[in-house]
Amino acid sequence: MSYDNTAAIGKTSDKCKEKRKKAIQAIQENNFKTASDNLYSFHRKVARENGIQLSGWSTINKYICKKDRTLVLTWDIETYASQIGEFVEVLEQKNKVFIISIILHWKDDPKPLKQICLIDLETAPNPR
């Protein structure tokens, strides 16, 4: 007897439960060893074996919160076009890129690791 434990497209959940029940009964009749021969709903089996309530509030204990250590580099380029409403073309002499800012930070961390600002005017250094 072959049994596909995934729900086939177009099959109702009742049909799948019926096929699952028949398959488990065939396994039990032939004395095969399985991890679980529970004939009932799988979510109820998992909840029962792991002490999870199916109604009401469940509390998660002894958990570890791991931070995402993704390193992020963001940048912003500010430009100026001589004609209002026009997109800035790089090769057009009248248009300017006047600032490029770059920030390096860990994801979800408000404190940046490094901030770099390139500007087309001479300015005093920022002590930050």
C-alpha atoms as a PDB file:
ATOM      1  CA  MET A   1       0.000   0.000   0.000  1.00  0.00           C
ATOM      2  CA  SER A   2       1.452   3.376  -0.940  1.00  0.00           C
ATOM      3  CA  TYR A   3       0.451   6.455   0.964  1.00  0.00           C
ATOM      4  CA  ASP A   4       1.219  10.069   0.216  1.00  0.00           C
ATOM      5  CA  ASN A   5       1.174  11.982   3.500  1.00  0.00           C
ATOM      6  CA  THR A   6       0.877  15.356   1.777  1.00  0.00           C
ATOM      7  CA  ALA A   7      -2.525  16.707   0.880  1.00  0.00           C
ATOM      8  CA  ALA A   8      -3.092  16.338  -2.842  1.00  0.00           C
ATOM      9  CA  ILE A   9      -4.331  19.359  -4.755  1.00  0.00           C
ATOM     10  CA  GLY A  10      -8.093  19.256  -5.071  1.00  0.00           C
ATOM     11  CA  LYS A  11      -8.521  16.796  -2.174  1.00  0.00           C
ATOM     12  CA  THR A  12     -10.548  17.781   0.856  1.00  0.00           C
ATOM     13  CA  SER A  13      -8.984  17.611   4.306  1.00  0.00           C
ATOM     14  CA  ASP A  14     -11.505  14.881   5.211  1.00  0.00           C
ATOM     15  CA  LYS A  15     -10.264  12.750   2.279  1.00  0.00           C
ATOM     16  CA  CYS A  16      -6.668  13.226   3.426  1.00  0.00           C
ATOM     17  CA  LYS A  17      -7.552  12.326   7.032  1.00  0.00           C
ATOM     18  CA  GLU A  18      -9.349   9.234   5.778  1.00  0.00           C
ATOM     19  CA  LYS A  19      -6.317   8.144   3.711  1.00  0.00           C
ATOM     20  CA  ARG A  20      -3.989   8.838   6.659  1.00  0.00           C
ATOM     21  CA  LYS A  21      -6.147   6.762   9.011  1.00  0.00           C
ATOM     22  CA  LYS A  22      -6.194   3.835   6.534  1.00  0.00           C
ATOM     23  CA  ALA A  23      -2.425   4.014   6.113  1.00  0.00           C
ATOM     24  CA  ILE A  24      -1.784   4.009   9.878  1.00  0.00           C
ATOM     25  CA  GLN A  25      -4.179   1.085  10.359  1.00  0.00           C
ATOM     26  CA  ALA A  26      -2.302  -0.872   7.650  1.00  0.00           C
ATOM     27  CA  ILE A  27       0.998  -0.095   9.403  1.00  0.00           C
ATOM     28  CA  GLN A  28      -0.386  -1.279  12.759  1.00  0.00           C
ATOM     29  CA  GLU A  29      -1.830  -4.484  11.232  1.00  0.00           C
ATOM     30  CA  ASN A  30       1.620  -5.368   9.842  1.00  0.00           C
ATOM     31  CA  ASN A  31       3.387  -4.575  13.155  1.00  0.00           C
ATOM     32  CA  PHE A  32       5.689  -1.959  11.621  1.00  0.00           C
ATOM     33  CA  LYS A  33       7.539   0.347  14.030  1.00  0.00           C
ATOM     34  CA  THR A  34       6.792   4.060  13.569  1.00  0.00           C
ATOM     35  CA  ALA A  35       7.516   7.242  15.492  1.00  0.00           C
ATOM     36  CA  SER A  36       3.809   7.805  16.040  1.00  0.00           C
ATOM     37  CA  ASP A  37       0.675   5.895  15.097  1.00  0.00           C
ATOM     38  CA  ASN A  38      -1.727   8.548  16.326  1.00  0.00           C
ATOM     39  CA  LEU A  39      -4.944   8.364  14.297  1.00  0.00           C
ATOM     40  CA  TYR A  40      -6.130  11.829  15.265  1.00  0.00           C
ATOM     41  CA  SER A  41      -5.381  15.371  14.102  1.00  0.00           C
ATOM     42  CA  PHE A  42      -1.654  16.029  13.830  1.00  0.00           C
ATOM     43  CA  HIS A  43      -1.796  19.495  15.456  1.00  0.00           C
ATOM     44  CA  ARG A  44      -3.505  17.968  18.497  1.00  0.00           C
ATOM     45  CA  LYS A  45      -0.826  15.253  18.695  1.00  0.00           C
ATOM     46  CA  VAL A  46       1.989  17.828  18.581  1.00  0.00           C
ATOM     47  CA  ALA A  47       0.244  20.022  21.154  1.00  0.00           C
ATOM     48  CA  ARG A  48      -0.321  17.075  23.508  1.00  0.00           C
ATOM     49  CA  GLU A  49       3.269  15.771  23.214  1.00  0.00           C
ATOM     50  CA  ASN A  50       4.773  19.239  23.770  1.00  0.00           C
ATOM     51  CA  GLY A  51       2.388  20.498  26.448  1.00  0.00           C
ATOM     52  CA  ILE A  52       0.973  23.292  24.279  1.00  0.00           C
ATOM     53  CA  GLN A  53      -2.533  24.549  25.031  1.00  0.00           C
ATOM     54  CA  LEU A  54      -4.855  24.745  22.030  1.00  0.00           C
ATOM     55  CA  SER A  55      -7.046  27.355  23.709  1.00  0.00           C
ATOM     56  CA  GLY A  56      -6.142  30.118  26.095  1.00  0.00           C
ATOM     57  CA  TRP A  57      -2.676  31.648  26.492  1.00  0.00           C
ATOM     58  CA  SER A  58       0.555  29.699  26.215  1.00  0.00           C
ATOM     59  CA  THR A  59       3.734  31.094  27.765  1.00  0.00           C
ATOM     60  CA  ILE A  60       7.127  30.503  26.182  1.00  0.00           C
ATOM     61  CA  ASN A  61       9.833  29.886  28.785  1.00  0.00           C
ATOM     62  CA  LYS A  62      13.589  29.332  28.607  1.00  0.00           C
ATOM     63  CA  TYR A  63      13.971  31.006  25.230  1.00  0.00           C
ATOM     64  CA  ILE A  64      16.999  32.654  23.686  1.00  0.00           C
ATOM     65  CA  CYS A  65      16.678  35.891  21.742  1.00  0.00           C
ATOM     66  CA  LYS A  66      19.386  36.019  19.096  1.00  0.00           C
ATOM     67  CA  LYS A  67      20.193  39.323  17.444  1.00  0.00           C
ATOM     68  CA  ASP A  68      20.440  39.514  13.694  1.00  0.00           C
ATOM     69  CA  ARG A  69      24.089  40.376  13.050  1.00  0.00           C
ATOM     70  CA  THR A  70      23.605  41.542   9.478  1.00  0.00           C
ATOM     71  CA  LEU A  71      25.998  44.336   8.586  1.00  0.00           C
ATOM     72  CA  VAL A  72      24.220  47.081   6.623  1.00  0.00           C
ATOM     73  CA  LEU A  73      25.736  49.775   4.414  1.00  0.00           C
ATOM     74  CA  THR A  74      23.381  52.577   3.366  1.00  0.00           C
ATOM     75  CA  TRP A  75      24.050  55.617   1.256  1.00  0.00           C
ATOM     76  CA  ASP A  76      22.285  58.727   0.053  1.00  0.00           C
ATOM     77  CA  ILE A  77      23.311  60.909  -2.874  1.00  0.00           C
ATOM     78  CA  GLU A  78      21.948  64.456  -3.020  1.00  0.00           C
ATOM     79  CA  THR A  79      21.876  66.150  -6.416  1.00  0.00           C
ATOM     80  CA  TYR A  80      20.875  69.459  -7.931  1.00  0.00           C
ATOM     81  CA  ALA A  81      19.407  70.056 -11.394  1.00  0.00           C
ATOM     82  CA  SER A  82      19.410  73.531 -12.911  1.00  0.00           C
ATOM     83  CA  GLN A  83      15.946  72.940 -14.380  1.00  0.00           C
ATOM     84  CA  ILE A  84      13.214  72.384 -11.779  1.00  0.00           C
ATOM     85  CA  GLY A  85      11.497  69.022 -12.089  1.00  0.00           C
ATOM     86  CA  GLU A  86      14.173  67.442 -14.283  1.00  0.00           C
ATOM     87  CA  PHE A  87      16.016  64.278 -13.404  1.00  0.00           C
ATOM     88  CA  VAL A  88      19.733  64.886 -12.812  1.00  0.00           C
ATOM     89  CA  GLU A  89      21.876  63.532 -15.647  1.00  0.00           C
ATOM     90  CA  VAL A  90      25.473  62.731 -14.709  1.00  0.00           C
ATOM     91  CA  LEU A  91      27.035  64.072 -17.912  1.00  0.00           C
ATOM     92  CA  GLU A  92      25.158  67.391 -17.854  1.00  0.00           C
ATOM     93  CA  GLN A  93      27.609  70.121 -16.712  1.00  0.00           C
ATOM     94  CA  LYS A  94      24.868  72.300 -15.153  1.00  0.00           C
ATOM     95  CA  ASN A  95      23.815  69.520 -12.769  1.00  0.00           C
ATOM     96  CA  LYS A  96      25.656  68.731  -9.538  1.00  0.00           C
ATOM     97  CA  VAL A  97      26.126  65.993  -6.998  1.00  0.00           C
ATOM     98  CA  PHE A  98      26.720  68.017  -3.836  1.00  0.00           C
ATOM     99  CA  ILE A  99      26.706  65.422  -1.044  1.00  0.00           C
ATOM    100  CA  ILE A 100      27.158  61.678  -0.641  1.00  0.00           C
ATOM    101  CA  SER A 101      26.562  60.193   2.797  1.00  0.00           C
ATOM    102  CA  ILE A 102      27.436  56.638   3.809  1.00  0.00           C
ATOM    103  CA  ILE A 103      26.483  54.858   7.038  1.00  0.00           C
ATOM    104  CA  LEU A 104      27.675  51.435   8.219  1.00  0.00           C
ATOM    105  CA  HIS A 105      25.654  49.818  11.021  1.00  0.00           C
ATOM    106  CA  TRP A 106      24.397  46.530  12.427  1.00  0.00           C
ATOM    107  CA  LYS A 107      20.794  45.733  11.521  1.00  0.00           C
ATOM    108  CA  ASP A 108      18.334  46.975  14.187  1.00  0.00           C
ATOM    109  CA  ASP A 109      21.081  48.933  16.017  1.00  0.00           C
ATOM    110  CA  PRO A 110      20.479  52.709  16.068  1.00  0.00           C
ATOM    111  CA  LYS A 111      24.161  53.455  16.800  1.00  0.00           C
ATOM    112  CA  PRO A 112      26.196  53.586  13.548  1.00  0.00           C
ATOM    113  CA  LEU A 113      29.628  51.968  13.357  1.00  0.00           C
ATOM    114  CA  LYS A 114      30.881  54.536  10.857  1.00  0.00           C
ATOM    115  CA  GLN A 115      29.426  57.626   9.162  1.00  0.00           C
ATOM    116  CA  ILE A 116      31.089  59.206   6.140  1.00  0.00           C
ATOM    117  CA  CYS A 117      29.952  62.384   4.428  1.00  0.00           C
ATOM    118  CA  LEU A 118      31.479  63.597   1.155  1.00  0.00           C
ATOM    119  CA  ILE A 119      30.589  67.176   0.287  1.00  0.00           C
ATOM    120  CA  ASP A 120      31.651  69.547  -2.506  1.00  0.00           C
ATOM    121  CA  LEU A 121      32.337  72.498  -0.152  1.00  0.00           C
ATOM    122  CA  GLU A 122      35.163  72.894   2.320  1.00  0.00           C
ATOM    123  CA  THR A 123      33.755  72.684   5.852  1.00  0.00           C
ATOM    124  CA  ALA A 124      35.019  72.304   9.398  1.00  0.00           C
ATOM    125  CA  PRO A 125      35.112  68.685  10.628  1.00  0.00           C
ATOM    126  CA  ASN A 126      32.157  67.522  12.690  1.00  0.00           C
ATOM    127  CA  PRO A 127      33.387  66.361  16.139  1.00  0.00           C
ATOM    128  CA  ARG A 128      30.870  63.524  16.171  1.00  0.00           C
END
